[in-house]
Amino acid sequence: MTLQEFFRWTEADGTAAQNRWRSENGAPAPKRVVVADDRTTADAAFKLVCEGTALLWRGDFHNARQLLTALARRVDRKGAKPGQTPAESFHLHRQAQSRRTRILGMLVVQVEPGHRVPLRRAPEVADACTGAYGPADEPYTVSLRELLGVVGAHEWRKNGVQVPALGGDRIHPHYGVFSPARGEYVDLVADAPLPALTTAFDIGTGTGVLSAVLARRGVQRVIATDQDPRALECARENLELLGVGDAVEVVQADLFPPGRAPLIVCNPPWVPARPRTPVEYAVYDPDSQMLQGFLDGLPAHLEPGGEGWLILSDLAEHLGLRTRAELLARFEESGLRVLDRLDIAPRHPRARDTTDPLYEARSAEVTSLWRLATR
C-alpha cells in the first residue's frame, strides 16, 4: 500500500487541488482526472476510463456503486480469448483480469480524516478502513472498488468462515489475508496420519487455520510463522478465539523459525506467477520462490525421522505452468523423498463453472498433501 504519492485534480472553477493517494496494490495515482457526478452516463464514463482518465466522484454514493457495476458489465463483454495451450489461456486470462482491475480502479472517491466518505448516502466505513489501513489523520483518495473491497472484507472478518475441520468453528480473516474458504486443504491436514509428536512448525500460517487444526489434534506446541504483519495479527486473534492461543506461538519469520521440529507443515501459493495485489501472494508464487525455499530448508529444520507436509494443488500442472516431473525433481534436488501422498478433489464452485475460461484445468484439479522426509 502506498500513501506517498499525491492525487491531483482541478475543480470546476479551475482551482488546483491535491491529497494523498492510497492503493493497496501499489497502482500509481492517475495522471488525468475529471470530476464526475450523477449526470455522468455509463457510456461516457467507460470511454474516459478506457482512455486512462480517472473519474473523481462527487455524486450519490449508491449511484457510484451502480456506475461501477455498469462499467464492469462493459469490461466483461470483452472476455479473455482462449489460447492455443492451457498456459496461453492462463496468461490471456491474467491479462484480461489486469485490464479489468485497471479500468474499474479509475472510479475514485475522496475520504476525509477519520475515514469518512463525504458523499450522499455514503455508508459508515471508519471501522472497516481502520481495520485495513489503520488510523487516518489526513484526507486521501482511493478507488471505489478498493473501498468496497475493504468494506466487504470487514464483513467477512466479523462473520467469519465456518471450518468443518474445526468442528464448525469459524476463522475470521483480516483484510489482505487469504481466507480458508476452500476447506479441502484444511481437511487434508485434519485427516493425515499424525505421528506421535509434541512440536510442529506451520510455515506461512496466514489466518492460523492449520495451526489451530494441529493444536486441536493434540500437538502440544506449534510455532506458526509468517512475514506479513496483517497475517500475524490475524493468526493471533483467531487462535485466541479458538482457545488454542497457549499452544501456538506466532512469530514473524521468512519461512522457518530457529530450530528443528518433527513435523513441518506448509501450504505455499499454488501457482507460479506474479501476484498483482497483496492477497494474491497467497495464490501466486513468483518463480516458485516460497515452494523452493520450503523444500530447500526442510532438511535443516526437520528432526531425524520427521515429516514435512507440503499441501499443494496440481492446478499449475493442468495450466502447463509446471509438470509433475519438475515437482518431483525439486523434491530430489532438495534431498527429500516422498513417503505418501493424500489427495482430495476441489469443492469450490469454479470447479463446476463451465463459463470459466480456465474450467478445464479447474475441473481436473486435485489438491495433495505430500508427506516428505529427508533422503
Protein backbone atom coordinates (compact mmCIF):
# COMPACT_ATOMS: atom_id res chain seq x y z
CA MET A 1 0.00 0.00 0.00
CA THR A 2 1.25 3.47 -0.76
CA LEU A 3 0.36 6.86 0.70
CA GLN A 4 3.44 8.54 -0.69
CA GLU A 5 2.01 9.85 -3.96
CA PHE A 6 -0.33 12.76 -4.38
CA PHE A 7 -3.60 12.57 -6.25
CA ARG A 8 -4.06 15.86 -8.13
CA TRP A 9 -7.14 17.26 -9.86
CA THR A 10 -8.73 20.54 -10.96
CA GLU A 11 -12.08 21.71 -9.64
CA ALA A 12 -14.80 23.07 -11.93
CA ASP A 13 -13.79 26.65 -11.06
CA GLY A 14 -10.21 25.96 -12.15
CA THR A 15 -8.77 25.55 -8.65
CA ALA A 16 -5.96 23.02 -8.42
CA ALA A 17 -6.23 20.56 -5.53
CA GLN A 18 -4.45 17.51 -4.19
CA ASN A 19 -4.40 14.95 -1.41
CA ARG A 20 -2.75 11.62 -0.71
CA TRP A 21 -3.33 8.64 -3.00
CA ARG A 22 -3.98 5.25 -1.42
CA SER A 23 -3.66 1.99 -3.34
CA GLU A 24 -3.36 -1.40 -1.71
CA ASN A 25 -1.90 -2.98 -4.85
CA GLY A 26 0.55 -0.13 -5.46
CA ALA A 27 -1.23 1.28 -8.53
CA PRO A 28 0.10 4.76 -9.35
CA ALA A 29 -2.10 7.80 -8.92
CA PRO A 30 -3.94 8.62 -12.17
CA LYS A 31 -2.42 11.50 -14.11
CA ARG A 32 -5.62 12.59 -15.85
CA VAL A 33 -8.69 13.30 -13.70
CA VAL A 34 -12.16 14.72 -14.31
CA VAL A 35 -14.85 15.38 -11.73
CA ALA A 36 -17.94 13.20 -12.27
CA ASP A 37 -21.38 13.08 -10.66
CA ASP A 38 -24.88 11.69 -11.09
CA ARG A 39 -25.20 13.27 -14.54
CA THR A 40 -22.29 11.21 -15.92
CA THR A 41 -23.56 8.39 -18.14
CA ALA A 42 -22.09 4.90 -18.08
CA ASP A 43 -21.09 5.11 -21.74
CA ALA A 44 -19.29 8.43 -21.25
CA ALA A 45 -17.60 7.13 -18.12
CA PHE A 46 -16.48 3.94 -19.85
CA LYS A 47 -14.91 5.89 -22.70
CA LEU A 48 -12.98 8.07 -20.26
CA VAL A 49 -11.67 5.28 -18.03
CA CYS A 50 -10.62 3.19 -21.03
CA GLU A 51 -8.59 6.19 -22.22
CA GLY A 52 -6.87 6.40 -18.83
CA THR A 53 -8.86 9.26 -17.29
CA ALA A 54 -9.95 8.80 -13.69
CA LEU A 55 -13.40 9.88 -12.51
CA LEU A 56 -13.42 11.69 -9.17
CA TRP A 57 -16.93 11.04 -7.95
CA ARG A 58 -18.94 13.87 -6.39
CA GLY A 59 -22.46 12.44 -6.66
CA ASP A 60 -24.56 9.99 -4.69
CA PHE A 61 -22.64 7.03 -3.25
CA HIS A 62 -25.20 4.45 -4.34
CA ASN A 63 -25.15 5.87 -7.86
CA ALA A 64 -21.37 5.45 -7.86
CA ARG A 65 -21.81 1.77 -6.99
CA GLN A 66 -24.29 1.37 -9.83
CA LEU A 67 -21.89 3.07 -12.21
CA LEU A 68 -19.10 0.72 -11.14
CA THR A 69 -21.38 -2.25 -11.87
CA ALA A 70 -22.21 -0.81 -15.29
CA LEU A 71 -18.51 -0.34 -16.05
CA ALA A 72 -17.83 -3.95 -15.02
CA ARG A 73 -20.51 -5.22 -17.42
CA ARG A 74 -18.92 -3.29 -20.26
CA VAL A 75 -15.44 -4.58 -19.43
CA ASP A 76 -16.68 -8.17 -19.18
CA ARG A 77 -18.23 -8.08 -22.64
CA LYS A 78 -14.69 -8.41 -23.93
CA GLY A 79 -13.61 -11.51 -22.05
CA ALA A 80 -10.31 -13.28 -22.36
CA LYS A 81 -9.82 -15.16 -25.60
CA PRO A 82 -8.90 -18.84 -25.34
CA GLY A 83 -5.28 -19.60 -26.09
CA GLN A 84 -3.74 -22.38 -28.11
CA THR A 85 -2.47 -24.05 -24.92
CA PRO A 86 -3.63 -24.04 -21.29
CA ALA A 87 -0.65 -21.87 -20.36
CA GLU A 88 -1.53 -19.33 -23.05
CA SER A 89 -5.16 -19.31 -21.90
CA PHE A 90 -3.98 -18.65 -18.35
CA HIS A 91 -1.78 -15.73 -19.39
CA LEU A 92 -4.55 -14.22 -21.54
CA HIS A 93 -6.94 -14.59 -18.62
CA ARG A 94 -4.50 -12.83 -16.34
CA GLN A 95 -4.07 -10.02 -18.86
CA ALA A 96 -7.85 -9.61 -19.07
CA GLN A 97 -8.10 -9.54 -15.27
CA SER A 98 -5.33 -6.95 -15.09
CA ARG A 99 -7.13 -4.77 -17.64
CA ARG A 100 -10.37 -5.15 -15.69
CA THR A 101 -8.68 -4.16 -12.44
CA ARG A 102 -7.05 -1.13 -14.06
CA ILE A 103 -10.23 0.15 -15.69
CA LEU A 104 -12.52 -0.37 -12.70
CA GLY A 105 -9.93 1.25 -10.45
CA MET A 106 -10.37 4.55 -12.30
CA LEU A 107 -13.59 5.45 -10.46
CA VAL A 108 -12.29 7.11 -7.30
CA VAL A 109 -13.66 8.80 -4.18
CA GLN A 110 -12.24 11.11 -1.58
CA VAL A 111 -12.09 10.10 2.08
CA GLU A 112 -11.77 12.61 4.89
CA PRO A 113 -9.79 12.20 8.14
CA GLY A 114 -11.29 9.52 10.32
CA HIS A 115 -12.18 7.52 7.19
CA ARG A 116 -15.37 9.46 6.44
CA VAL A 117 -16.74 9.47 2.88
CA PRO A 118 -18.32 12.90 2.19
CA LEU A 119 -20.93 11.71 -0.30
CA ARG A 120 -24.72 11.50 -0.11
CA ARG A 121 -25.92 8.14 1.25
CA ALA A 122 -22.36 7.03 1.92
CA PRO A 123 -22.10 4.21 4.47
CA GLU A 124 -20.08 4.34 7.66
CA VAL A 125 -16.71 2.86 6.68
CA ALA A 126 -14.49 4.00 9.56
CA ASP A 127 -14.30 0.63 11.31
CA ALA A 128 -13.60 -1.25 8.07
CA CYS A 129 -10.94 1.19 6.90
CA THR A 130 -9.28 1.41 10.28
CA GLY A 131 -9.05 -2.38 10.37
CA ALA A 132 -7.46 -2.46 6.91
CA TYR A 133 -5.40 0.74 6.85
CA GLY A 134 -5.05 1.93 10.43
CA PRO A 135 -5.98 5.44 11.62
CA ALA A 136 -6.36 8.25 9.08
CA ASP A 137 -5.26 11.70 10.19
CA GLU A 138 -5.35 13.25 6.73
CA PRO A 139 -7.65 13.05 3.71
CA TYR A 140 -6.90 10.67 0.85
CA THR A 141 -8.29 9.40 -2.43
CA VAL A 142 -8.92 5.73 -3.14
CA SER A 143 -10.62 3.74 -5.87
CA LEU A 144 -14.24 2.94 -5.11
CA ARG A 145 -13.58 -0.68 -5.99
CA GLU A 146 -10.86 -0.94 -3.33
CA LEU A 147 -13.04 0.83 -0.76
CA LEU A 148 -15.90 -1.61 -1.39
CA GLY A 149 -13.42 -4.47 -1.09
CA VAL A 150 -12.32 -3.17 2.31
CA VAL A 151 -15.95 -2.97 3.46
CA GLY A 152 -16.67 -6.47 2.17
CA ALA A 153 -13.57 -7.88 3.87
CA HIS A 154 -14.68 -6.27 7.14
CA GLU A 155 -17.96 -8.21 6.94
CA TRP A 156 -16.01 -11.44 6.33
CA ARG A 157 -13.89 -10.63 9.36
CA LYS A 158 -16.93 -10.02 11.55
CA ASN A 159 -18.92 -13.05 10.38
CA GLY A 160 -16.03 -15.46 9.88
CA VAL A 161 -15.71 -18.54 7.70
CA GLN A 162 -17.01 -21.84 9.05
CA VAL A 163 -14.36 -24.56 9.00
CA PRO A 164 -15.70 -28.15 9.22
CA ALA A 165 -12.27 -29.46 10.26
CA LEU A 166 -12.54 -27.28 13.38
CA GLY A 167 -15.90 -28.74 14.32
CA GLY A 168 -17.74 -25.91 12.60
CA ASP A 169 -15.89 -23.17 14.46
CA ARG A 170 -15.10 -20.06 12.48
CA ILE A 171 -11.93 -18.43 11.22
CA HIS A 172 -12.02 -14.64 10.88
CA PRO A 173 -9.77 -13.49 8.01
CA HIS A 174 -8.43 -9.94 8.11
CA TYR A 175 -8.22 -7.70 5.07
CA GLY A 176 -5.37 -8.81 2.83
CA VAL A 177 -5.10 -12.26 4.45
CA PHE A 178 -6.19 -15.27 2.40
CA SER A 179 -9.45 -16.78 3.61
CA PRO A 180 -9.74 -20.57 4.12
CA ALA A 181 -12.95 -20.64 2.10
CA ARG A 182 -11.54 -23.61 0.16
CA GLY A 183 -11.66 -26.05 3.01
CA GLU A 184 -10.34 -29.15 1.28
CA TYR A 185 -6.70 -28.32 2.05
CA VAL A 186 -7.63 -27.92 5.71
CA ASP A 187 -9.35 -31.33 5.63
CA LEU A 188 -6.12 -32.92 4.40
CA VAL A 189 -4.24 -31.68 7.47
CA ALA A 190 -7.09 -32.76 9.72
CA ASP A 191 -7.16 -36.30 8.30
CA ALA A 192 -3.48 -37.09 7.58
CA PRO A 193 -1.86 -39.70 9.84
CA LEU A 194 -0.28 -37.73 12.66
CA PRO A 195 2.97 -39.16 14.07
CA ALA A 196 3.46 -39.14 17.83
CA LEU A 197 4.99 -35.71 18.44
CA THR A 198 4.83 -32.69 20.70
CA THR A 199 6.03 -29.89 18.39
CA ALA A 200 5.23 -28.72 14.87
CA PHE A 201 6.04 -25.74 12.65
CA ASP A 202 3.35 -24.10 10.48
CA ILE A 203 5.14 -22.17 7.73
CA GLY A 204 3.23 -19.22 6.23
CA THR A 205 0.36 -19.53 8.68
CA GLY A 206 -1.94 -16.84 7.24
CA THR A 207 -5.16 -16.94 9.28
CA GLY A 208 -3.67 -19.58 11.58
CA VAL A 209 -6.18 -22.21 10.50
CA LEU A 210 -3.67 -25.07 10.07
CA SER A 211 -2.02 -24.30 13.40
CA ALA A 212 -5.44 -24.48 15.03
CA VAL A 213 -6.11 -27.86 13.40
CA LEU A 214 -2.78 -29.23 14.63
CA ALA A 215 -3.38 -27.93 18.15
CA ARG A 216 -6.88 -29.41 18.18
CA ARG A 217 -5.35 -32.73 17.10
CA GLY A 218 -3.18 -32.75 20.20
CA VAL A 219 0.12 -31.16 19.13
CA GLN A 220 1.24 -29.52 22.35
CA ARG A 221 3.36 -26.76 20.81
CA VAL A 222 3.02 -25.23 17.36
CA ILE A 223 5.26 -22.44 16.08
CA ALA A 224 3.44 -20.55 13.34
CA THR A 225 5.40 -18.20 11.08
CA ASP A 226 4.55 -15.51 8.59
CA GLN A 227 6.28 -12.39 7.33
CA ASP A 228 3.10 -10.31 6.79
CA PRO A 229 2.17 -8.19 9.85
CA ARG A 230 -1.52 -8.45 8.94
CA ALA A 231 -1.33 -12.24 8.86
CA LEU A 232 0.48 -12.34 12.21
CA GLU A 233 -2.21 -10.21 13.85
CA CYS A 234 -4.93 -12.25 12.16
CA ALA A 235 -3.46 -15.58 13.27
CA ARG A 236 -3.04 -14.46 16.87
CA GLU A 237 -6.62 -13.22 17.03
CA ASN A 238 -8.06 -16.41 15.54
CA LEU A 239 -6.00 -18.72 17.74
CA GLU A 240 -7.16 -16.91 20.86
CA LEU A 241 -10.79 -17.04 19.74
CA LEU A 242 -10.45 -20.78 19.11
CA GLY A 243 -8.97 -21.37 22.55
CA VAL A 244 -5.58 -22.64 21.34
CA GLY A 245 -3.55 -19.48 21.84
CA ASP A 246 -1.50 -21.05 24.61
CA ALA A 247 -0.48 -23.96 22.35
CA VAL A 248 0.58 -21.85 19.35
CA GLU A 249 3.38 -19.30 19.23
CA VAL A 250 3.06 -16.89 16.31
CA VAL A 251 6.38 -15.41 15.16
CA GLN A 252 7.46 -13.20 12.30
CA ALA A 253 9.88 -15.06 10.04
CA ASP A 254 10.66 -15.60 6.39
CA LEU A 255 9.72 -19.30 6.26
CA PHE A 256 11.37 -21.22 9.13
CA PRO A 257 11.77 -20.32 12.80
CA PRO A 258 15.03 -21.28 14.55
CA GLY A 259 15.48 -24.92 15.50
CA ARG A 260 14.03 -28.21 14.35
CA ALA A 261 10.67 -29.97 14.61
CA PRO A 262 9.39 -33.50 13.94
CA LEU A 263 6.57 -32.09 11.79
CA ILE A 264 6.70 -29.06 9.49
CA VAL A 265 3.60 -28.06 7.54
CA CYS A 266 3.43 -25.61 4.64
CA ASN A 267 0.66 -24.57 2.28
CA PRO A 268 2.53 -22.32 -0.17
CA PRO A 269 0.91 -20.43 -3.05
CA TRP A 270 -0.07 -22.96 -5.69
CA VAL A 271 0.52 -21.14 -8.98
CA PRO A 272 3.97 -19.95 -10.17
CA ALA A 273 3.02 -16.47 -11.38
CA ARG A 274 3.49 -12.87 -10.30
CA PRO A 275 0.87 -11.55 -7.84
CA ARG A 276 -0.69 -8.16 -8.50
CA THR A 277 -2.21 -7.48 -5.08
CA PRO A 278 -1.18 -8.39 -1.50
CA VAL A 279 -3.87 -11.04 -1.10
CA GLU A 280 -2.73 -12.70 -4.35
CA TYR A 281 0.55 -13.61 -2.65
CA ALA A 282 -1.44 -16.47 -1.11
CA VAL A 283 -2.25 -17.78 -4.60
CA TYR A 284 0.67 -16.82 -6.84
CA ASP A 285 4.28 -17.68 -6.07
CA PRO A 286 6.66 -15.89 -8.49
CA ASP A 287 9.22 -18.36 -9.82
CA SER A 288 8.04 -20.83 -7.11
CA GLN A 289 10.21 -18.95 -4.61
CA MET A 290 8.30 -19.97 -1.49
CA LEU A 291 7.88 -23.56 -2.64
CA GLN A 292 11.58 -23.88 -3.37
CA GLY A 293 12.57 -22.13 -0.15
CA PHE A 294 10.44 -24.53 1.88
CA LEU A 295 11.84 -27.61 0.13
CA ASP A 296 15.45 -26.43 0.37
CA GLY A 297 15.15 -25.53 4.05
CA LEU A 298 13.23 -28.60 5.15
CA PRO A 299 16.20 -30.97 5.70
CA ALA A 300 17.93 -28.49 8.01
CA HIS A 301 14.82 -27.98 10.14
CA LEU A 302 13.38 -31.49 10.37
CA GLU A 303 14.29 -33.63 13.33
CA PRO A 304 15.65 -37.10 12.42
CA GLY A 305 12.73 -39.24 11.30
CA GLY A 306 10.48 -36.19 10.96
CA GLU A 307 8.00 -35.35 8.22
CA GLY A 308 7.33 -32.31 6.08
CA TRP A 309 3.73 -31.89 4.94
CA LEU A 310 3.51 -29.94 1.70
CA ILE A 311 -0.06 -29.01 0.71
CA LEU A 312 -0.13 -28.22 -2.99
CA SER A 313 -2.72 -28.13 -5.74
CA ASP A 314 -1.84 -29.52 -9.18
CA LEU A 315 -3.65 -26.64 -10.91
CA ALA A 316 -0.30 -25.34 -12.18
CA GLU A 317 0.25 -28.69 -13.89
CA HIS A 318 -3.10 -28.54 -15.67
CA LEU A 319 -2.32 -24.98 -16.74
CA GLY A 320 1.01 -26.05 -18.21
CA LEU A 321 3.00 -23.91 -15.76
CA ARG A 322 4.75 -26.79 -14.01
CA THR A 323 4.96 -30.53 -14.67
CA ARG A 324 4.72 -33.34 -12.15
CA ALA A 325 8.20 -34.43 -13.19
CA GLU A 326 9.55 -30.96 -12.37
CA LEU A 327 7.93 -31.06 -8.93
CA LEU A 328 9.37 -34.49 -8.17
CA ALA A 329 12.77 -33.29 -9.35
CA ARG A 330 12.54 -30.37 -6.92
CA PHE A 331 11.97 -32.86 -4.10
CA GLU A 332 15.00 -34.90 -5.08
CA GLU A 333 17.27 -31.90 -5.57
CA SER A 334 16.35 -30.70 -2.07
CA GLY A 335 17.31 -34.05 -0.57
CA LEU A 336 13.76 -35.22 0.05
CA ARG A 337 11.78 -38.38 -0.61
CA VAL A 338 8.05 -38.99 -0.76
CA LEU A 339 6.56 -41.15 1.99
CA ASP A 340 2.97 -40.83 0.84
CA ARG A 341 0.51 -38.54 -0.93
CA LEU A 342 -3.06 -37.82 0.15
CA ASP A 343 -5.41 -36.36 -2.47
CA ILE A 344 -8.71 -34.53 -2.37
CA ALA A 345 -10.88 -33.08 -5.14
CA PRO A 346 -11.93 -29.42 -5.03
CA ARG A 347 -15.41 -28.46 -3.85
CA HIS A 348 -15.37 -24.80 -4.82
CA PRO A 349 -17.93 -23.50 -7.38
CA ARG A 350 -15.32 -22.62 -10.01
CA ALA A 351 -14.57 -26.31 -10.49
CA ARG A 352 -18.10 -26.66 -11.90
CA ASP A 353 -18.38 -23.33 -13.73
CA THR A 354 -18.25 -24.18 -17.42
CA THR A 355 -18.15 -20.46 -18.33
CA ASP A 356 -14.82 -20.02 -16.52
CA PRO A 357 -12.06 -19.62 -19.15
CA LEU A 358 -9.90 -21.96 -17.04
CA TYR A 359 -12.68 -24.50 -16.47
CA GLU A 360 -10.86 -27.49 -17.97
CA ALA A 361 -7.90 -27.01 -15.65
CA ARG A 362 -10.02 -26.24 -12.60
CA SER A 363 -12.32 -29.22 -13.12
CA ALA A 364 -9.33 -31.58 -13.24
CA GLU A 365 -7.58 -30.05 -10.23
CA VAL A 366 -6.54 -32.19 -7.27
CA THR A 367 -5.09 -30.88 -4.01
CA SER A 368 -2.47 -33.11 -2.38
CA LEU A 369 -0.73 -33.40 0.94
CA TRP A 370 2.77 -34.69 0.20
CA ARG A 371 4.38 -36.44 3.19
CA LEU A 372 8.10 -35.77 2.75
CA ALA A 373 11.16 -36.98 4.60
CA THR A 374 14.89 -36.50 4.18
CA ARG A 375 16.72 -38.94 1.95
